[in-house]
Amino acid sequence: MTDSQKKAYAEYAPRWCIPYNAQMVSFAEVFGNDNPVIIEIGFGMGVATAEIAAQNPSINYIGIEVFQAGVGKLLNEIEHRNLCNIRIIEHDAIEVLETMIPDSSLAGFHIFFPDPWQKKKHHKRRLIRRPRTDLLTKKLQVGGYLYMVTDWYEYAEDAFAELSATEGLCSRYEGFAPPQTWRPKTKFEQKGLNKAHRITELMFQRKE
């Protein structure tokens, strides 16, 4: 962590971080309103998270991340942009979903450039794999969406198949989603583009 990130973590975490606790969260109590809630899993340094939240003040966002430097960076962004619609949970995402997030409560998931676990023997560790996709689906409201972006094309194909096989989900598009213009480009994404990696987007939603 940089000195700035350490300072932000020490000063702002009590205000904007939700401590992990194995009991269901009340979004109305956390945010003080009944606005839709979107969870971002693995926000990295959080710059895109802050930009999206700034563009959508009537939507609440919860970022889940275990990378403490990224948490510190996003805390700085929250303070400097005067954002009131972001909270952070610094813990394993699956445990958070299982124990803290009520079923059928989320308007969406953002999953940007998750670890592709490139070796075949490690594919089972991928986030977008059943039964994890069943858990994600259970947390979405009807009509809620799961939006994933990756620069690893084989993972995109695998994720599309896994999501398509998940009961209660359907793709909004016949195949991969067109680029969503509201999503800011990140430094990580630019690194992938510099390596000639193809950026692929998936958009699924929970059906009746």
Protein backbone atom coordinates (compact mmCIF):
# COMPACT_ATOMS: atom_id res chain seq x y z
CA MET A 1 0.00 0.00 0.00
CA THR A 2 1.15 3.53 -0.70
CA ASP A 3 1.21 6.07 2.12
CA SER A 4 -1.90 7.66 0.64
CA GLN A 5 -3.73 4.34 0.58
CA LYS A 6 -2.67 3.54 4.15
CA LYS A 7 -3.89 6.95 5.32
CA ALA A 8 -7.22 6.55 3.50
CA TYR A 9 -7.68 3.05 4.91
CA ALA A 10 -7.04 4.22 8.47
CA GLU A 11 -9.25 7.32 8.22
CA TYR A 12 -12.13 6.28 5.96
CA ALA A 13 -12.62 2.53 6.39
CA PRO A 14 -14.78 2.97 9.51
CA ARG A 15 -17.09 5.25 7.50
CA TRP A 16 -17.40 3.38 4.20
CA CYS A 17 -16.51 -0.27 4.91
CA ILE A 18 -19.06 -2.80 6.11
CA PRO A 19 -17.34 -5.22 8.52
CA TYR A 20 -17.75 -8.85 7.59
CA ASN A 21 -20.36 -10.46 9.79
CA ALA A 22 -22.20 -13.68 9.11
CA GLN A 23 -25.64 -12.12 9.23
CA MET A 24 -27.85 -10.57 6.55
CA VAL A 25 -27.32 -6.91 5.73
CA SER A 26 -30.18 -4.42 5.53
CA PHE A 27 -29.41 -2.25 2.50
CA ALA A 28 -31.92 0.37 3.67
CA GLU A 29 -30.05 0.71 6.96
CA VAL A 30 -26.63 0.79 5.30
CA PHE A 31 -27.47 3.38 2.64
CA GLY A 32 -30.41 5.16 4.24
CA ASN A 33 -32.61 4.66 1.17
CA ASP A 34 -34.35 1.99 -0.90
CA ASN A 35 -32.40 2.54 -4.12
CA PRO A 36 -31.35 -0.48 -6.22
CA VAL A 37 -28.14 -2.21 -5.13
CA ILE A 38 -25.41 -3.51 -7.44
CA ILE A 39 -22.46 -5.56 -6.19
CA GLU A 40 -19.07 -5.45 -7.89
CA ILE A 41 -16.92 -8.49 -7.17
CA GLY A 42 -13.19 -7.79 -7.26
CA PHE A 43 -13.01 -4.08 -8.03
CA GLY A 44 -9.19 -3.94 -8.18
CA MET A 45 -8.13 -0.33 -7.67
CA GLY A 46 -11.74 0.84 -7.79
CA VAL A 47 -11.42 3.75 -10.23
CA ALA A 48 -14.09 2.38 -12.60
CA THR A 49 -16.27 1.60 -9.58
CA ALA A 50 -16.11 5.21 -8.43
CA GLU A 51 -16.77 6.58 -11.92
CA ILE A 52 -19.85 4.38 -12.41
CA ALA A 53 -21.18 5.33 -8.98
CA ALA A 54 -20.63 9.02 -9.69
CA GLN A 55 -22.60 8.70 -12.94
CA ASN A 56 -25.49 6.91 -11.17
CA PRO A 57 -26.21 8.59 -7.82
CA SER A 58 -29.65 6.93 -7.61
CA ILE A 59 -28.06 3.45 -7.51
CA ASN A 60 -26.19 2.00 -4.54
CA TYR A 61 -22.98 0.01 -5.03
CA ILE A 62 -21.19 -2.50 -2.83
CA GLY A 63 -17.65 -3.41 -3.81
CA ILE A 64 -16.19 -6.68 -2.54
CA GLU A 65 -12.40 -6.90 -2.58
CA VAL A 66 -9.62 -8.57 -0.57
CA PHE A 67 -6.77 -6.49 -2.05
CA GLN A 68 -6.16 -3.93 0.69
CA ALA A 69 -4.31 -1.45 -1.54
CA GLY A 70 -7.35 -1.40 -3.82
CA VAL A 71 -9.63 -0.81 -0.85
CA GLY A 72 -7.46 2.14 0.20
CA LYS A 73 -7.51 3.55 -3.32
CA LEU A 74 -11.30 3.32 -3.60
CA LEU A 75 -11.72 4.90 -0.16
CA ASN A 76 -9.72 7.87 -1.45
CA GLU A 77 -11.94 8.04 -4.54
CA ILE A 78 -15.10 7.97 -2.42
CA GLU A 79 -13.90 10.85 -0.27
CA HIS A 80 -12.49 13.02 -3.05
CA ARG A 81 -15.60 12.59 -5.22
CA ASN A 82 -17.99 13.00 -2.26
CA LEU A 83 -19.74 9.73 -3.08
CA CYS A 84 -22.40 8.51 -0.67
CA ASN A 85 -23.60 5.52 -2.71
CA ILE A 86 -20.64 3.13 -2.29
CA ARG A 87 -19.79 0.73 0.50
CA ILE A 88 -16.94 -1.80 0.66
CA ILE A 89 -16.77 -5.28 2.13
CA GLU A 90 -13.20 -6.53 2.52
CA HIS A 91 -13.70 -10.28 2.52
CA ASP A 92 -14.06 -13.36 0.32
CA ALA A 93 -16.93 -12.71 -2.09
CA ILE A 94 -18.53 -16.15 -1.91
CA GLU A 95 -18.70 -16.05 1.89
CA VAL A 96 -20.17 -12.57 1.75
CA LEU A 97 -22.86 -13.67 -0.69
CA GLU A 98 -23.68 -16.79 1.30
CA THR A 99 -23.97 -15.11 4.70
CA MET A 100 -24.61 -11.37 4.25
CA ILE A 101 -26.62 -10.77 1.06
CA PRO A 102 -30.37 -11.57 1.09
CA ASP A 103 -31.80 -13.68 -1.73
CA SER A 104 -33.51 -11.84 -4.61
CA SER A 105 -32.18 -8.50 -3.36
CA LEU A 106 -29.75 -7.27 -6.03
CA ALA A 107 -30.32 -5.27 -9.18
CA GLY A 108 -27.07 -6.52 -10.65
CA PHE A 109 -23.52 -7.84 -10.46
CA HIS A 110 -20.46 -6.26 -12.07
CA ILE A 111 -17.56 -8.65 -12.59
CA PHE A 112 -14.78 -6.92 -14.49
CA PHE A 113 -11.69 -8.90 -15.51
CA PRO A 114 -11.87 -11.72 -12.97
CA ASP A 115 -8.88 -14.01 -12.57
CA PRO A 116 -9.05 -16.40 -15.57
CA TRP A 117 -7.13 -19.19 -13.84
CA GLN A 118 -5.50 -19.98 -17.16
CA LYS A 119 -4.30 -23.54 -16.52
CA LYS A 120 -6.97 -26.15 -17.24
CA LYS A 121 -6.47 -27.85 -13.88
CA HIS A 122 -7.33 -24.53 -12.21
CA HIS A 123 -10.51 -23.79 -14.20
CA LYS A 124 -12.60 -25.08 -11.31
CA ARG A 125 -11.42 -22.06 -9.30
CA ARG A 126 -13.02 -19.59 -11.69
CA LEU A 127 -15.71 -17.39 -10.19
CA ILE A 128 -18.08 -17.89 -13.12
CA ARG A 129 -18.48 -21.62 -12.71
CA ARG A 130 -21.36 -23.65 -11.36
CA PRO A 131 -22.36 -23.96 -8.55
CA ARG A 132 -21.11 -20.41 -7.91
CA THR A 133 -23.30 -19.12 -10.73
CA ASP A 134 -26.31 -20.67 -8.97
CA LEU A 135 -25.46 -18.63 -5.88
CA LEU A 136 -25.10 -15.43 -7.90
CA THR A 137 -28.44 -16.03 -9.59
CA LYS A 138 -30.17 -16.64 -6.26
CA LYS A 139 -29.11 -13.19 -5.05
CA LEU A 140 -30.52 -11.35 -8.11
CA GLN A 141 -33.99 -9.89 -8.33
CA VAL A 142 -36.08 -11.01 -11.29
CA GLY A 143 -34.80 -8.86 -14.14
CA GLY A 144 -31.51 -8.27 -12.34
CA TYR A 145 -28.37 -8.64 -14.45
CA LEU A 146 -24.90 -10.14 -14.32
CA TYR A 147 -22.38 -8.20 -16.39
CA MET A 148 -18.95 -9.75 -16.91
CA VAL A 149 -15.99 -8.45 -18.91
CA THR A 150 -12.79 -10.39 -19.60
CA ASP A 151 -9.72 -10.11 -21.78
CA TRP A 152 -9.29 -13.89 -21.80
CA TYR A 153 -11.42 -15.21 -24.67
CA GLU A 154 -11.39 -18.84 -23.59
CA TYR A 155 -12.76 -17.78 -20.21
CA ALA A 156 -15.49 -15.78 -21.96
CA GLU A 157 -16.57 -18.87 -23.88
CA ASP A 158 -16.46 -21.03 -20.75
CA ALA A 159 -18.36 -18.44 -18.70
CA PHE A 160 -21.03 -18.07 -21.40
CA ALA A 161 -21.58 -21.84 -21.34
CA GLU A 162 -21.69 -21.97 -17.54
CA LEU A 163 -24.12 -19.06 -17.27
CA SER A 164 -26.30 -20.46 -20.06
CA ALA A 165 -26.53 -23.74 -18.13
CA THR A 166 -27.52 -21.96 -14.91
CA GLU A 167 -31.21 -22.31 -14.10
CA GLY A 168 -32.96 -18.95 -13.92
CA LEU A 169 -30.50 -17.07 -16.14
CA CYS A 170 -30.68 -16.09 -19.78
CA SER A 171 -28.44 -14.00 -22.01
CA ARG A 172 -29.77 -10.62 -23.08
CA TYR A 173 -28.11 -11.21 -26.43
CA GLU A 174 -27.84 -14.15 -28.78
CA GLY A 175 -24.15 -14.35 -28.06
CA PHE A 176 -21.66 -12.07 -26.35
CA ALA A 177 -22.87 -8.60 -25.42
CA PRO A 178 -21.88 -5.50 -27.40
CA PRO A 179 -19.55 -3.12 -25.55
CA GLN A 180 -21.44 -1.20 -22.88
CA THR A 181 -20.47 2.43 -23.46
CA TRP A 182 -21.19 3.44 -19.86
CA ARG A 183 -18.39 1.23 -18.50
CA PRO A 184 -15.12 3.17 -18.08
CA LYS A 185 -11.95 1.66 -19.50
CA THR A 186 -9.46 0.66 -16.81
CA LYS A 187 -5.67 0.53 -16.77
CA PHE A 188 -5.89 -3.24 -16.48
CA GLU A 189 -8.06 -3.36 -19.58
CA GLN A 190 -5.59 -1.17 -21.49
CA LYS A 191 -2.77 -3.56 -20.57
CA GLY A 192 -4.79 -6.37 -22.11
CA LEU A 193 -5.40 -4.35 -25.25
CA ASN A 194 -1.68 -3.57 -25.47
CA LYS A 195 -1.09 -7.34 -25.53
CA ALA A 196 -3.68 -7.68 -28.32
CA HIS A 197 -6.12 -9.45 -25.99
CA ARG A 198 -9.73 -9.43 -27.13
CA ILE A 199 -12.14 -7.74 -24.74
CA THR A 200 -15.34 -9.79 -24.44
CA GLU A 201 -18.50 -8.82 -22.58
CA LEU A 202 -21.36 -10.99 -21.28
CA MET A 203 -24.74 -9.77 -20.07
CA PHE A 204 -27.15 -12.22 -18.46
CA GLN A 205 -30.29 -11.57 -16.46
CA ARG A 206 -32.51 -13.43 -14.04
CA LYS A 207 -35.76 -14.52 -15.63
CA GLU A 208 -39.14 -15.36 -14.08
